[in-house]
Amino acid sequence: MLPTGEPFLTAALSGSVDLGCGPVTGTSGVVVAKLGAAGACAWSRSLPVATGIGFSPFSNGDLAASTGILGGSLDFGCGPMTGMGTSDLALARLDGKTGACVWSKSFGAAGASVNGNVTVSTIDYAVTYGTVSGAAVDFGGGPISSSKYVLELDGSGAHRYQYGGAYEQHALDTCGDVHLAQTCATCASGNPGVTVTKLAP
C-alpha cells in the first residue's frame, strides 16, 4: 500500500499479462502495477531484472526500487546501466502517477560483488543497506571494500553520505536517521555488550 492510500503489486513475469491497463510483456523480470482506490489498474509496466527486486514508497507515492545487475545491462526506463562487476547494485525511482523512471543509478567495479535493499526514510531519502566484496566500490564518496555499507541518496538521486564497516543490525528512526548496532566482546565499559552508532544526517 502506498502512502497515498493506493495499492501496488508486483509479480514475476515471463510472457504476457494484462492487469487491466493492457498487455505487459517480458521474457525475464517483474510486472509492477498501481491500482486505484476501487481496484482498477492505474498503470502497469515490466522491469527486466536478473535478480530479485525490492520496492519502498516515497511519501508522494513514487517507488524506490533496488535490484542487481549480473553482467549485461539493465534499463528502468532512464537509459541502460551496464554491469561492471560480478554483481552490481541498481537503484531507481519510479513515478507513482505513471510508473515512468525518474532517475536510475548503478554501482559496481571489476571483480566486485555488491548487493543491497533500499528503504525510503520518513524524510524521503533513499537508504540502501548491503555488502561489498571482491573489490572496492565507489558509491560517490570514496571506495568501500569488503564490508557492509550504508548509502543514502536524496530524493533526486544525489549522494548524501555513505558508511562502510561492521554492523549486525540497522534501523531508521522517525527523524530519518540511521542507527547501526554491533555486538562487542569488550565495549567501552569493559564488559560484553552492544554498541549503537548513529550516522550523521
N, C-alpha and C. Protein backbone atom coordinates (compact mmCIF):
# COMPACT_ATOMS: atom_id res chain seq x y z
N MET A 1 0.85 -1.19 0.00
CA MET A 1 0.00 0.00 0.00
C MET A 1 0.89 1.25 0.00
N LEU A 2 0.59 2.18 -0.89
CA LEU A 2 1.33 3.43 -0.96
C LEU A 2 0.83 4.40 0.11
N PRO A 3 1.68 5.37 0.52
CA PRO A 3 1.23 6.37 1.50
C PRO A 3 0.01 7.16 1.03
N THR A 4 -0.21 7.20 -0.28
CA THR A 4 -1.37 7.90 -0.84
C THR A 4 -2.65 7.09 -0.70
N GLY A 5 -2.54 5.86 -0.15
CA GLY A 5 -3.71 5.01 0.06
C GLY A 5 -4.05 4.10 -1.10
N GLU A 6 -3.22 4.09 -2.14
CA GLU A 6 -3.47 3.25 -3.30
C GLU A 6 -2.59 2.01 -3.24
N PRO A 7 -3.12 0.84 -3.60
CA PRO A 7 -2.32 -0.37 -3.58
C PRO A 7 -1.43 -0.48 -4.82
N PHE A 8 -0.28 -1.14 -4.66
CA PHE A 8 0.52 -1.51 -5.82
C PHE A 8 0.91 -2.96 -5.66
N LEU A 9 1.20 -3.60 -6.76
CA LEU A 9 1.55 -5.01 -6.70
C LEU A 9 2.69 -5.30 -7.66
N THR A 10 3.41 -6.38 -7.35
CA THR A 10 4.50 -6.85 -8.21
C THR A 10 4.38 -8.36 -8.32
N ALA A 11 4.84 -8.90 -9.44
CA ALA A 11 4.81 -10.34 -9.65
C ALA A 11 5.86 -10.70 -10.70
N ALA A 12 6.36 -11.93 -10.62
CA ALA A 12 7.29 -12.41 -11.64
C ALA A 12 6.60 -12.42 -13.00
N LEU A 13 7.36 -12.11 -14.03
CA LEU A 13 6.80 -12.00 -15.38
C LEU A 13 7.64 -12.79 -16.36
N SER A 14 7.01 -13.70 -17.06
CA SER A 14 7.64 -14.42 -18.15
C SER A 14 6.55 -14.70 -19.18
N GLY A 15 6.45 -13.86 -20.18
CA GLY A 15 5.38 -13.95 -21.15
C GLY A 15 4.60 -12.66 -21.16
N SER A 16 3.29 -12.75 -21.11
CA SER A 16 2.43 -11.57 -21.19
C SER A 16 1.33 -11.66 -20.15
N VAL A 17 0.99 -10.51 -19.55
CA VAL A 17 -0.09 -10.45 -18.57
C VAL A 17 -0.81 -9.12 -18.72
N ASP A 18 -2.12 -9.12 -18.49
CA ASP A 18 -2.90 -7.89 -18.56
C ASP A 18 -3.60 -7.69 -17.22
N LEU A 19 -3.20 -6.65 -16.49
CA LEU A 19 -3.77 -6.35 -15.19
C LEU A 19 -4.88 -5.31 -15.28
N GLY A 20 -5.26 -4.98 -16.51
CA GLY A 20 -6.34 -4.03 -16.72
C GLY A 20 -5.92 -2.77 -17.44
N CYS A 21 -4.60 -2.61 -17.64
CA CYS A 21 -4.09 -1.44 -18.36
C CYS A 21 -3.59 -1.81 -19.75
N GLY A 22 -3.82 -3.05 -20.16
CA GLY A 22 -3.29 -3.53 -21.43
C GLY A 22 -2.18 -4.53 -21.19
N PRO A 23 -1.84 -5.33 -22.19
CA PRO A 23 -0.82 -6.38 -22.02
C PRO A 23 0.55 -5.82 -21.68
N VAL A 24 1.21 -6.48 -20.75
CA VAL A 24 2.60 -6.19 -20.39
C VAL A 24 3.39 -7.45 -20.69
N THR A 25 4.47 -7.30 -21.45
CA THR A 25 5.24 -8.45 -21.90
C THR A 25 6.67 -8.37 -21.40
N GLY A 26 7.21 -9.51 -21.01
CA GLY A 26 8.60 -9.59 -20.59
C GLY A 26 9.07 -11.02 -20.62
N THR A 27 10.34 -11.22 -20.95
CA THR A 27 10.88 -12.58 -21.02
C THR A 27 11.49 -13.01 -19.69
N SER A 28 11.97 -12.05 -18.91
CA SER A 28 12.55 -12.37 -17.60
C SER A 28 12.56 -11.10 -16.77
N GLY A 29 11.68 -11.04 -15.78
CA GLY A 29 11.62 -9.84 -14.97
C GLY A 29 10.40 -9.84 -14.08
N VAL A 30 9.88 -8.64 -13.83
CA VAL A 30 8.70 -8.50 -12.98
C VAL A 30 7.73 -7.52 -13.63
N VAL A 31 6.47 -7.63 -13.25
CA VAL A 31 5.48 -6.65 -13.63
C VAL A 31 5.14 -5.85 -12.38
N VAL A 32 5.05 -4.53 -12.54
CA VAL A 32 4.71 -3.63 -11.44
C VAL A 32 3.45 -2.88 -11.86
N ALA A 33 2.52 -2.75 -10.94
CA ALA A 33 1.27 -2.05 -11.27
C ALA A 33 0.77 -1.28 -10.06
N LYS A 34 0.11 -0.16 -10.35
CA LYS A 34 -0.59 0.59 -9.31
C LYS A 34 -2.08 0.52 -9.59
N LEU A 35 -2.84 0.29 -8.53
CA LEU A 35 -4.28 0.19 -8.66
C LEU A 35 -4.93 1.41 -8.03
N GLY A 36 -6.06 1.82 -8.56
CA GLY A 36 -6.82 2.91 -7.98
C GLY A 36 -7.55 2.45 -6.74
N ALA A 37 -8.20 3.38 -6.07
CA ALA A 37 -8.90 3.06 -4.82
C ALA A 37 -9.96 1.99 -5.01
N ALA A 38 -10.56 1.92 -6.21
CA ALA A 38 -11.61 0.94 -6.48
C ALA A 38 -11.05 -0.36 -7.05
N GLY A 39 -9.73 -0.45 -7.17
CA GLY A 39 -9.09 -1.67 -7.66
C GLY A 39 -8.80 -1.69 -9.14
N ALA A 40 -9.18 -0.62 -9.88
CA ALA A 40 -8.89 -0.57 -11.31
C ALA A 40 -7.42 -0.26 -11.54
N CYS A 41 -6.88 -0.77 -12.62
CA CYS A 41 -5.47 -0.55 -12.94
C CYS A 41 -5.24 0.92 -13.32
N ALA A 42 -4.29 1.56 -12.63
CA ALA A 42 -3.90 2.93 -12.97
C ALA A 42 -2.76 2.92 -13.98
N TRP A 43 -1.78 2.06 -13.76
CA TRP A 43 -0.70 1.84 -14.72
C TRP A 43 -0.03 0.52 -14.40
N SER A 44 0.62 -0.04 -15.40
CA SER A 44 1.40 -1.25 -15.22
C SER A 44 2.57 -1.22 -16.19
N ARG A 45 3.66 -1.83 -15.80
CA ARG A 45 4.85 -1.87 -16.65
C ARG A 45 5.73 -3.04 -16.25
N SER A 46 6.59 -3.44 -17.14
CA SER A 46 7.53 -4.52 -16.85
C SER A 46 8.90 -3.94 -16.55
N LEU A 47 9.62 -4.64 -15.70
CA LEU A 47 11.00 -4.29 -15.37
C LEU A 47 11.87 -5.52 -15.59
N PRO A 48 12.89 -5.45 -16.45
CA PRO A 48 13.76 -6.59 -16.67
C PRO A 48 14.80 -6.68 -15.56
N VAL A 49 14.71 -7.69 -14.72
CA VAL A 49 15.66 -7.84 -13.62
C VAL A 49 16.27 -9.24 -13.66
N ALA A 50 17.57 -9.32 -13.32
CA ALA A 50 18.26 -10.60 -13.30
C ALA A 50 18.17 -11.26 -11.93
N THR A 51 17.94 -10.45 -10.89
CA THR A 51 17.81 -10.99 -9.54
C THR A 51 16.49 -10.48 -8.96
N GLY A 52 16.22 -10.79 -7.71
CA GLY A 52 15.02 -10.27 -7.07
C GLY A 52 15.05 -8.75 -7.00
N ILE A 53 13.87 -8.16 -6.83
CA ILE A 53 13.77 -6.71 -6.78
C ILE A 53 12.97 -6.30 -5.55
N GLY A 54 13.37 -5.20 -4.93
CA GLY A 54 12.67 -4.69 -3.76
C GLY A 54 12.16 -3.29 -4.02
N PHE A 55 11.05 -2.94 -3.36
CA PHE A 55 10.45 -1.62 -3.53
C PHE A 55 10.19 -0.99 -2.16
N SER A 56 10.26 0.34 -2.12
CA SER A 56 9.91 1.10 -0.93
C SER A 56 9.30 2.42 -1.38
N PRO A 57 8.17 2.85 -0.80
CA PRO A 57 7.48 4.03 -1.31
C PRO A 57 7.98 5.34 -0.73
N PHE A 58 8.00 6.38 -1.56
CA PHE A 58 8.17 7.75 -1.12
C PHE A 58 6.81 8.28 -0.64
N SER A 59 6.84 9.38 0.09
CA SER A 59 5.60 9.90 0.68
C SER A 59 4.59 10.34 -0.37
N ASN A 60 5.06 10.71 -1.58
CA ASN A 60 4.14 11.16 -2.63
C ASN A 60 3.62 10.03 -3.49
N GLY A 61 4.00 8.77 -3.15
CA GLY A 61 3.54 7.63 -3.92
C GLY A 61 4.52 7.11 -4.94
N ASP A 62 5.65 7.82 -5.17
CA ASP A 62 6.70 7.28 -6.03
C ASP A 62 7.29 6.04 -5.37
N LEU A 63 7.98 5.22 -6.17
CA LEU A 63 8.58 3.99 -5.67
C LEU A 63 10.09 4.00 -5.85
N ALA A 64 10.82 3.64 -4.79
CA ALA A 64 12.24 3.36 -4.91
C ALA A 64 12.39 1.87 -5.18
N ALA A 65 13.27 1.51 -6.09
CA ALA A 65 13.48 0.11 -6.46
C ALA A 65 14.95 -0.23 -6.35
N SER A 66 15.25 -1.46 -5.92
CA SER A 66 16.63 -1.93 -5.84
C SER A 66 16.71 -3.35 -6.38
N THR A 67 17.74 -3.61 -7.18
CA THR A 67 17.95 -4.94 -7.73
C THR A 67 19.43 -5.09 -8.08
N GLY A 68 19.79 -6.20 -8.70
CA GLY A 68 21.17 -6.43 -9.09
C GLY A 68 21.32 -6.49 -10.59
N ILE A 69 22.53 -6.25 -11.06
CA ILE A 69 22.88 -6.41 -12.48
C ILE A 69 23.96 -7.49 -12.53
N LEU A 70 23.63 -8.63 -13.14
CA LEU A 70 24.58 -9.74 -13.24
C LEU A 70 25.17 -9.74 -14.64
N GLY A 71 26.07 -8.79 -14.90
CA GLY A 71 26.61 -8.66 -16.25
C GLY A 71 25.55 -8.07 -17.18
N GLY A 72 25.93 -7.75 -18.40
CA GLY A 72 24.96 -7.18 -19.34
C GLY A 72 24.51 -5.81 -18.89
N SER A 73 23.27 -5.46 -19.21
CA SER A 73 22.76 -4.14 -18.86
C SER A 73 21.33 -4.25 -18.36
N LEU A 74 20.87 -3.20 -17.72
CA LEU A 74 19.53 -3.13 -17.15
C LEU A 74 19.01 -1.72 -17.39
N ASP A 75 17.74 -1.62 -17.78
CA ASP A 75 17.16 -0.31 -18.07
C ASP A 75 15.81 -0.18 -17.40
N PHE A 76 15.70 0.73 -16.42
CA PHE A 76 14.43 1.01 -15.77
C PHE A 76 13.58 1.98 -16.60
N GLY A 77 14.18 2.52 -17.65
CA GLY A 77 13.49 3.49 -18.49
C GLY A 77 14.21 4.81 -18.57
N CYS A 78 15.27 4.98 -17.80
CA CYS A 78 16.08 6.20 -17.84
C CYS A 78 17.34 6.02 -18.68
N GLY A 79 17.48 4.87 -19.32
CA GLY A 79 18.68 4.56 -20.09
C GLY A 79 19.38 3.35 -19.52
N PRO A 80 20.07 2.58 -20.37
CA PRO A 80 20.71 1.34 -19.91
C PRO A 80 21.87 1.60 -18.95
N MET A 81 21.95 0.74 -17.93
CA MET A 81 23.06 0.73 -17.00
C MET A 81 23.80 -0.58 -17.20
N THR A 82 25.09 -0.51 -17.52
CA THR A 82 25.89 -1.69 -17.83
C THR A 82 26.65 -2.17 -16.60
N GLY A 83 26.54 -3.47 -16.31
CA GLY A 83 27.24 -4.04 -15.17
C GLY A 83 28.74 -4.00 -15.34
N MET A 84 29.44 -3.69 -14.29
CA MET A 84 30.91 -3.60 -14.32
C MET A 84 31.57 -4.76 -13.59
N GLY A 85 30.87 -5.37 -12.64
CA GLY A 85 31.48 -6.40 -11.82
C GLY A 85 30.71 -7.71 -11.86
N THR A 86 31.00 -8.58 -10.89
CA THR A 86 30.30 -9.85 -10.78
C THR A 86 28.81 -9.61 -10.56
N SER A 87 28.51 -8.65 -9.69
CA SER A 87 27.12 -8.27 -9.43
C SER A 87 27.11 -6.80 -9.04
N ASP A 88 26.37 -5.99 -9.76
CA ASP A 88 26.26 -4.57 -9.46
C ASP A 88 24.94 -4.28 -8.74
N LEU A 89 24.90 -3.15 -8.06
CA LEU A 89 23.67 -2.67 -7.43
C LEU A 89 23.00 -1.66 -8.35
N ALA A 90 21.70 -1.82 -8.58
CA ALA A 90 20.93 -0.86 -9.39
C ALA A 90 19.82 -0.28 -8.54
N LEU A 91 19.70 1.04 -8.55
CA LEU A 91 18.64 1.75 -7.83
C LEU A 91 17.88 2.64 -8.79
N ALA A 92 16.60 2.85 -8.51
CA ALA A 92 15.79 3.71 -9.36
C ALA A 92 14.65 4.31 -8.57
N ARG A 93 14.13 5.41 -9.10
CA ARG A 93 12.90 6.00 -8.58
C ARG A 93 11.88 5.99 -9.71
N LEU A 94 10.70 5.42 -9.44
CA LEU A 94 9.63 5.36 -10.42
C LEU A 94 8.51 6.32 -10.04
N ASP A 95 7.99 7.03 -11.01
CA ASP A 95 6.91 7.98 -10.79
C ASP A 95 5.64 7.24 -10.37
N GLY A 96 5.06 7.62 -9.25
CA GLY A 96 3.89 6.94 -8.74
C GLY A 96 2.64 7.16 -9.57
N LYS A 97 2.61 8.22 -10.37
CA LYS A 97 1.43 8.52 -11.18
C LYS A 97 1.44 7.79 -12.52
N THR A 98 2.64 7.50 -13.03
CA THR A 98 2.74 6.92 -14.37
C THR A 98 3.58 5.64 -14.43
N GLY A 99 4.44 5.40 -13.42
CA GLY A 99 5.36 4.27 -13.46
C GLY A 99 6.64 4.56 -14.21
N ALA A 100 6.75 5.77 -14.79
CA ALA A 100 7.94 6.12 -15.57
C ALA A 100 9.16 6.27 -14.67
N CYS A 101 10.32 6.04 -15.23
CA CYS A 101 11.57 6.20 -14.49
C CYS A 101 11.86 7.69 -14.27
N VAL A 102 12.12 8.05 -13.02
CA VAL A 102 12.50 9.42 -12.67
C VAL A 102 14.02 9.54 -12.70
N TRP A 103 14.71 8.60 -12.07
CA TRP A 103 16.17 8.50 -12.15
C TRP A 103 16.60 7.08 -11.84
N SER A 104 17.77 6.71 -12.31
CA SER A 104 18.34 5.41 -12.00
C SER A 104 19.85 5.52 -11.89
N LYS A 105 20.43 4.68 -11.05
CA LYS A 105 21.87 4.69 -10.82
C LYS A 105 22.33 3.26 -10.60
N SER A 106 23.58 2.97 -10.96
CA SER A 106 24.17 1.67 -10.69
C SER A 106 25.54 1.85 -10.06
N PHE A 107 25.94 0.86 -9.25
CA PHE A 107 27.21 0.92 -8.54
C PHE A 107 27.89 -0.45 -8.64
N GLY A 108 29.15 -0.44 -9.06
CA GLY A 108 29.91 -1.68 -9.17
C GLY A 108 31.33 -1.39 -9.58
N ALA A 109 32.12 -2.45 -9.70
CA ALA A 109 33.52 -2.33 -10.14
C ALA A 109 33.98 -3.70 -10.59
N ALA A 110 34.99 -3.73 -11.43
CA ALA A 110 35.52 -5.00 -11.93
C ALA A 110 35.91 -5.90 -10.75
N GLY A 111 35.42 -7.12 -10.76
CA GLY A 111 35.74 -8.08 -9.70
C GLY A 111 34.92 -7.93 -8.44
N ALA A 112 34.02 -6.95 -8.38
CA ALA A 112 33.27 -6.68 -7.15
C ALA A 112 31.87 -7.30 -7.22
N SER A 113 31.38 -7.64 -6.05
CA SER A 113 30.01 -8.10 -5.89
C SER A 113 29.33 -7.18 -4.89
N VAL A 114 28.24 -6.53 -5.32
CA VAL A 114 27.51 -5.57 -4.47
C VAL A 114 26.07 -6.02 -4.39
N ASN A 115 25.52 -6.04 -3.18
CA ASN A 115 24.09 -6.27 -3.07
C ASN A 115 23.52 -5.24 -2.12
N GLY A 116 22.21 -5.09 -2.12
CA GLY A 116 21.59 -4.11 -1.24
C GLY A 116 20.10 -4.03 -1.41
N ASN A 117 19.43 -3.56 -0.37
CA ASN A 117 17.99 -3.33 -0.39
C ASN A 117 17.72 -1.90 0.03
N VAL A 118 16.84 -1.23 -0.69
CA VAL A 118 16.58 0.18 -0.45
C VAL A 118 15.35 0.35 0.43
N THR A 119 15.43 1.33 1.33
CA THR A 119 14.31 1.74 2.17
C THR A 119 14.21 3.25 2.11
N VAL A 120 13.00 3.78 2.00
CA VAL A 120 12.82 5.23 1.97
C VAL A 120 12.54 5.71 3.39
N SER A 121 13.30 6.70 3.83
CA SER A 121 13.16 7.22 5.19
C SER A 121 11.95 8.15 5.29
N THR A 122 11.63 8.56 6.51
CA THR A 122 10.48 9.44 6.74
C THR A 122 10.67 10.81 6.12
N ILE A 123 11.91 11.17 5.78
CA ILE A 123 12.16 12.46 5.13
C ILE A 123 12.49 12.27 3.65
N ASP A 124 12.06 11.11 3.11
CA ASP A 124 12.15 10.83 1.67
C ASP A 124 13.57 10.75 1.13
N TYR A 125 14.47 10.18 1.92
CA TYR A 125 15.78 9.82 1.40
C TYR A 125 15.81 8.33 1.15
N ALA A 126 16.48 7.91 0.08
CA ALA A 126 16.61 6.50 -0.26
C ALA A 126 17.85 5.94 0.44
N VAL A 127 17.64 5.06 1.42
CA VAL A 127 18.72 4.49 2.22
C VAL A 127 18.89 3.03 1.83
N THR A 128 20.09 2.65 1.39
CA THR A 128 20.37 1.29 0.97
C THR A 128 21.37 0.64 1.92
N TYR A 129 21.04 -0.58 2.34
CA TYR A 129 21.93 -1.38 3.20
C TYR A 129 22.38 -2.59 2.39
N GLY A 130 23.68 -2.96 2.50
CA GLY A 130 24.13 -4.13 1.76
C GLY A 130 25.57 -4.47 2.09
N THR A 131 26.17 -5.28 1.21
CA THR A 131 27.56 -5.71 1.40
C THR A 131 28.34 -5.53 0.10
N VAL A 132 29.64 -5.33 0.25
CA VAL A 132 30.58 -5.24 -0.85
C VAL A 132 31.65 -6.29 -0.63
N SER A 133 32.01 -7.02 -1.67
CA SER A 133 33.09 -8.00 -1.57
C SER A 133 33.81 -8.10 -2.90
N GLY A 134 35.01 -8.66 -2.86
CA GLY A 134 35.78 -8.91 -4.08
C GLY A 134 36.66 -7.77 -4.52
N ALA A 135 36.17 -6.55 -4.50
CA ALA A 135 36.93 -5.37 -4.90
C ALA A 135 36.22 -4.15 -4.34
N ALA A 136 36.93 -3.03 -4.28
CA ALA A 136 36.36 -1.81 -3.75
C ALA A 136 35.37 -1.19 -4.73
N VAL A 137 34.32 -0.58 -4.19
CA VAL A 137 33.30 0.08 -5.00
C VAL A 137 33.12 1.50 -4.48
N ASP A 138 33.07 2.46 -5.39
CA ASP A 138 32.86 3.87 -5.02
C ASP A 138 31.39 4.22 -5.24
N PHE A 139 30.69 4.53 -4.17
CA PHE A 139 29.28 4.90 -4.23
C PHE A 139 29.08 6.40 -4.43
N GLY A 140 30.20 7.12 -4.54
CA GLY A 140 30.12 8.56 -4.73
C GLY A 140 30.85 9.34 -3.67
N GLY A 141 31.30 8.64 -2.61
CA GLY A 141 32.01 9.30 -1.52
C GLY A 141 33.34 8.65 -1.21
N GLY A 142 33.91 7.93 -2.18
CA GLY A 142 35.17 7.22 -1.97
C GLY A 142 34.95 5.72 -1.95
N PRO A 143 36.02 4.93 -2.17
CA PRO A 143 35.88 3.47 -2.27
C PRO A 143 35.57 2.80 -0.93
N ILE A 144 34.72 1.78 -0.98
CA ILE A 144 34.41 0.92 0.16
C ILE A 144 34.70 -0.51 -0.28
N SER A 145 35.41 -1.27 0.57
CA SER A 145 35.77 -2.63 0.19
C SER A 145 35.52 -3.60 1.34
N SER A 146 35.12 -4.81 0.98
CA SER A 146 34.99 -5.95 1.89
C SER A 146 34.32 -5.59 3.21
N SER A 147 33.11 -5.05 3.14
CA SER A 147 32.41 -4.70 4.36
C SER A 147 30.94 -4.51 4.07
N LYS A 148 30.18 -4.31 5.12
CA LYS A 148 28.82 -3.85 4.95
C LYS A 148 28.86 -2.34 4.67
N TYR A 149 27.79 -1.86 4.10
CA TYR A 149 27.75 -0.43 3.80
C TYR A 149 26.35 0.11 4.02
N VAL A 150 26.28 1.42 4.16
CA VAL A 150 25.02 2.17 4.14
C VAL A 150 25.21 3.30 3.14
N LEU A 151 24.28 3.45 2.23
CA LEU A 151 24.32 4.51 1.23
C LEU A 151 23.02 5.29 1.30
N GLU A 152 23.14 6.62 1.38
CA GLU A 152 21.94 7.45 1.38
C GLU A 152 21.97 8.40 0.20
N LEU A 153 20.89 8.38 -0.58
CA LEU A 153 20.69 9.31 -1.69
C LEU A 153 19.49 10.19 -1.38
N ASP A 154 19.51 11.42 -1.85
CA ASP A 154 18.34 12.26 -1.63
C ASP A 154 17.26 11.91 -2.65
N GLY A 155 16.14 12.62 -2.61
CA GLY A 155 15.02 12.29 -3.48
C GLY A 155 15.31 12.40 -4.96
N SER A 156 16.34 13.19 -5.31
CA SER A 156 16.70 13.35 -6.72
C SER A 156 17.78 12.36 -7.15
N GLY A 157 18.22 11.50 -6.21
CA GLY A 157 19.25 10.51 -6.52
C GLY A 157 20.67 10.98 -6.26
N ALA A 158 20.83 12.18 -5.72
CA ALA A 158 22.17 12.70 -5.42
C ALA A 158 22.73 12.07 -4.15
N HIS A 159 24.03 11.82 -4.14
CA HIS A 159 24.71 11.22 -2.99
C HIS A 159 24.68 12.16 -1.79
N ARG A 160 24.27 11.63 -0.62
CA ARG A 160 24.28 12.40 0.62
C ARG A 160 25.42 11.93 1.52
N TYR A 161 25.47 10.64 1.80
CA TYR A 161 26.60 10.10 2.57
C TYR A 161 26.64 8.58 2.39
N GLN A 162 27.75 8.01 2.85
CA GLN A 162 27.92 6.57 2.84
C GLN A 162 28.73 6.16 4.06
N TYR A 163 28.58 4.89 4.44
CA TYR A 163 29.32 4.33 5.57
C TYR A 163 29.76 2.94 5.17
N GLY A 164 30.98 2.58 5.52
CA GLY A 164 31.48 1.23 5.30
C GLY A 164 32.11 0.71 6.58
N GLY A 165 31.72 -0.48 7.01
CA GLY A 165 32.26 -1.05 8.24
C GLY A 165 31.38 -2.19 8.72
N ALA A 166 31.66 -2.63 9.95
CA ALA A 166 30.93 -3.76 10.51
C ALA A 166 29.70 -3.28 11.28
N TYR A 167 28.61 -3.98 11.07
CA TYR A 167 27.41 -3.81 11.90
C TYR A 167 26.54 -5.05 11.70
N GLU A 168 25.69 -5.31 12.68
CA GLU A 168 24.85 -6.50 12.61
C GLU A 168 23.37 -6.17 12.39
N GLN A 169 22.93 -5.05 12.93
CA GLN A 169 21.54 -4.65 12.78
C GLN A 169 21.49 -3.18 12.38
N HIS A 170 20.44 -2.80 11.65
CA HIS A 170 20.28 -1.40 11.26
C HIS A 170 18.82 -1.01 11.46
N ALA A 171 18.61 0.29 11.64
CA ALA A 171 17.25 0.79 11.83
C ALA A 171 17.20 2.26 11.45
N LEU A 172 16.05 2.68 10.97
CA LEU A 172 15.77 4.09 10.70
C LEU A 172 14.82 4.60 11.77
N ASP A 173 15.14 5.76 12.39
CA ASP A 173 14.21 6.30 13.38
C ASP A 173 13.20 7.22 12.70
N THR A 174 12.30 7.78 13.47
CA THR A 174 11.22 8.59 12.92
C THR A 174 11.71 9.92 12.35
N CYS A 175 12.95 10.29 12.66
CA CYS A 175 13.54 11.51 12.10
C CYS A 175 14.29 11.22 10.81
N GLY A 176 14.37 9.94 10.42
CA GLY A 176 15.08 9.56 9.22
C GLY A 176 16.55 9.26 9.43
N ASP A 177 17.01 9.25 10.69
CA ASP A 177 18.42 8.97 10.99
C ASP A 177 18.67 7.47 11.03
N VAL A 178 19.87 7.06 10.63
CA VAL A 178 20.25 5.66 10.59
C VAL A 178 21.02 5.29 11.86
N HIS A 179 20.64 4.17 12.48
CA HIS A 179 21.32 3.65 13.66
C HIS A 179 21.83 2.26 13.35
N LEU A 180 23.08 1.98 13.72
CA LEU A 180 23.71 0.68 13.49
C LEU A 180 24.09 0.05 14.82
N ALA A 181 23.88 -1.26 14.96
CA ALA A 181 24.21 -1.97 16.19
C ALA A 181 25.22 -3.07 15.91
N GLN A 182 26.18 -3.23 16.82
CA GLN A 182 27.23 -4.24 16.68
C GLN A 182 27.58 -4.78 18.06
N THR A 183 27.58 -6.11 18.21
CA THR A 183 27.98 -6.68 19.49
C THR A 183 29.48 -6.52 19.66
N CYS A 184 29.91 -6.39 20.90
CA CYS A 184 31.33 -6.25 21.18
C CYS A 184 31.69 -7.10 22.38
N ALA A 185 32.82 -7.82 22.28
CA ALA A 185 33.27 -8.65 23.39
C ALA A 185 33.70 -7.79 24.57
N THR A 186 34.34 -6.68 24.25
CA THR A 186 34.73 -5.73 25.29
C THR A 186 34.37 -4.33 24.82
N CYS A 187 33.27 -3.83 25.36
CA CYS A 187 32.79 -2.50 24.97
C CYS A 187 33.56 -1.42 25.75
N ALA A 188 33.17 -0.18 25.59
CA ALA A 188 33.83 0.92 26.28
C ALA A 188 33.77 0.74 27.79
N SER A 189 32.73 0.05 28.26
CA SER A 189 32.58 -0.18 29.70
C SER A 189 33.50 -1.26 30.21
N GLY A 190 34.13 -1.99 29.27
CA GLY A 190 34.99 -3.11 29.67
C GLY A 190 34.25 -4.43 29.74
N ASN A 191 32.96 -4.42 29.45
CA ASN A 191 32.14 -5.63 29.51
C ASN A 191 31.54 -5.93 28.13
N PRO A 192 31.14 -7.18 27.91
CA PRO A 192 30.46 -7.51 26.65
C PRO A 192 29.15 -6.73 26.53
N GLY A 193 28.77 -6.47 25.32
CA GLY A 193 27.52 -5.74 25.11
C GLY A 193 27.30 -5.39 23.67
N VAL A 194 26.60 -4.32 23.46
CA VAL A 194 26.26 -3.86 22.11
C VAL A 194 26.59 -2.39 21.99
N THR A 195 27.25 -2.03 20.90
CA THR A 195 27.50 -0.63 20.61
C THR A 195 26.50 -0.17 19.55
N VAL A 196 25.94 1.01 19.75
CA VAL A 196 24.98 1.58 18.79
C VAL A 196 25.58 2.87 18.25
N THR A 197 25.63 2.96 16.93
CA THR A 197 26.19 4.14 16.26
C THR A 197 25.10 4.84 15.47
N LYS A 198 25.00 6.13 15.67
CA LYS A 198 24.08 6.94 14.87
C LYS A 198 24.88 7.65 13.80
N LEU A 199 24.51 7.44 12.54
CA LEU A 199 25.21 8.10 11.45
C LEU A 199 24.75 9.54 11.33
N ALA A 200 25.68 10.40 10.99
CA ALA A 200 25.35 11.82 10.85
C ALA A 200 24.31 12.02 9.76
N PRO A 201 23.28 12.81 10.00
CA PRO A 201 22.22 13.01 9.00
C PRO A 201 22.73 13.79 7.79
